[in-house]
Amino acid sequence: MSIGRPEPEVIVNYADGYAYSKGKMEEAFRSGLFEKPASKSKDTAKVVHKKEDVDLIVNEFEITKAQAEKALVENGGDLAKTLKALVTP
């Protein structure tokens, strides 16, 4: 039922009644949800991360490989710490 305004474009409808709309998703990304400032440490060049860790983060969080590598570098290459940082707002 519409009250004078168009219905939002729904991306996904779930069986329990919840839905994600395109407008709300775009707003979340524009607000900088995935844009955390990079730490500028000289030690970041020395951090080694595993390909498996990068692949896991890319697949689970659906982010780019560059974003996954950046997150790992920011967290010292520690996968558990990186996962926790990505989940925590």
Protein backbone atom coordinates (compact mmCIF):
# COMPACT_ATOMS: atom_id res chain seq x y z
CA MET A 1 0.00 0.00 0.00
CA SER A 2 1.48 3.32 -1.09
CA ILE A 3 0.72 6.71 0.47
CA GLY A 4 1.62 9.09 -2.34
CA ARG A 5 5.21 7.97 -2.69
CA PRO A 6 6.66 5.15 -4.78
CA GLU A 7 7.58 1.85 -3.19
CA PRO A 8 11.33 1.26 -2.83
CA GLU A 9 12.97 -1.23 -5.11
CA VAL A 10 13.23 -4.42 -3.10
CA ILE A 11 16.39 -6.44 -3.59
CA VAL A 12 15.53 -9.48 -1.47
CA ASN A 13 12.33 -10.63 0.26
CA TYR A 14 12.72 -13.15 3.07
CA ALA A 15 10.17 -15.69 4.32
CA ASP A 16 10.06 -14.06 7.76
CA GLY A 17 8.87 -10.75 6.27
CA TYR A 18 12.14 -8.82 6.19
CA ALA A 19 13.40 -7.19 2.99
CA TYR A 20 16.39 -5.16 1.86
CA SER A 21 15.67 -2.15 -0.30
CA LYS A 22 18.05 -0.65 -2.83
CA GLY A 23 17.76 2.85 -1.37
CA LYS A 24 18.68 1.79 2.14
CA MET A 25 21.61 -0.30 0.90
CA GLU A 26 22.98 2.60 -1.15
CA GLU A 27 22.59 4.94 1.80
CA ALA A 28 24.56 2.56 4.02
CA PHE A 29 27.41 2.45 1.51
CA ARG A 30 27.39 6.22 1.02
CA SER A 31 27.66 6.72 4.78
CA GLY A 32 31.09 5.09 4.67
CA LEU A 33 30.21 1.70 6.05
CA PHE A 34 33.30 0.12 4.48
CA GLU A 35 35.48 3.20 4.42
CA LYS A 36 37.65 3.09 7.52
CA PRO A 37 40.68 5.38 7.50
CA ALA A 38 43.93 3.57 6.80
CA SER A 39 46.50 3.47 9.56
CA LYS A 40 49.74 4.99 8.32
CA SER A 41 52.36 2.85 9.96
CA LYS A 42 55.76 1.95 8.53
CA ASP A 43 55.23 -1.63 9.75
CA THR A 44 52.34 -2.22 7.34
CA ALA A 45 54.72 -2.97 4.48
CA LYS A 46 56.19 -5.87 6.49
CA VAL A 47 52.85 -7.59 7.17
CA VAL A 48 52.47 -10.91 5.38
CA HIS A 49 49.01 -12.35 4.86
CA LYS A 50 47.95 -15.70 3.51
CA LYS A 51 46.06 -16.10 0.25
CA GLU A 52 43.57 -18.35 2.05
CA ASP A 53 42.82 -15.59 4.57
CA VAL A 54 42.21 -13.06 1.80
CA ASP A 55 39.98 -15.50 -0.09
CA LEU A 56 37.96 -16.24 3.07
CA ILE A 57 37.34 -12.54 3.74
CA VAL A 58 36.47 -11.83 0.10
CA ASN A 59 33.96 -14.69 -0.01
CA GLU A 60 32.36 -14.13 3.39
CA PHE A 61 32.09 -10.34 3.33
CA GLU A 62 31.68 -9.95 -0.44
CA ILE A 63 34.30 -7.21 -0.63
CA THR A 64 37.11 -6.73 -3.11
CA LYS A 65 40.47 -8.42 -2.75
CA ALA A 66 42.12 -5.03 -2.20
CA GLN A 67 39.74 -4.22 0.68
CA ALA A 68 40.39 -7.62 2.25
CA GLU A 69 44.16 -7.20 1.98
CA LYS A 70 43.93 -3.69 3.43
CA ALA A 71 41.89 -4.98 6.39
CA LEU A 72 44.43 -7.75 7.04
CA VAL A 73 47.34 -5.30 6.88
CA GLU A 74 45.57 -2.92 9.28
CA ASN A 75 45.16 -5.79 11.75
CA GLY A 76 48.71 -7.13 11.53
CA GLY A 77 47.80 -10.12 9.37
CA ASP A 78 45.77 -11.68 12.20
CA LEU A 79 42.67 -13.29 10.66
CA ALA A 80 40.62 -13.43 13.87
CA LYS A 81 41.34 -9.78 14.66
CA THR A 82 40.50 -8.79 11.07
CA LEU A 83 37.19 -10.64 11.11
CA LYS A 84 36.26 -9.01 14.40
CA ALA A 85 37.19 -5.56 13.03
CA LEU A 86 35.08 -6.07 9.91
CA VAL A 87 32.04 -7.13 11.90
CA THR A 88 32.31 -4.38 14.53
CA PRO A 89 30.90 -0.99 13.39
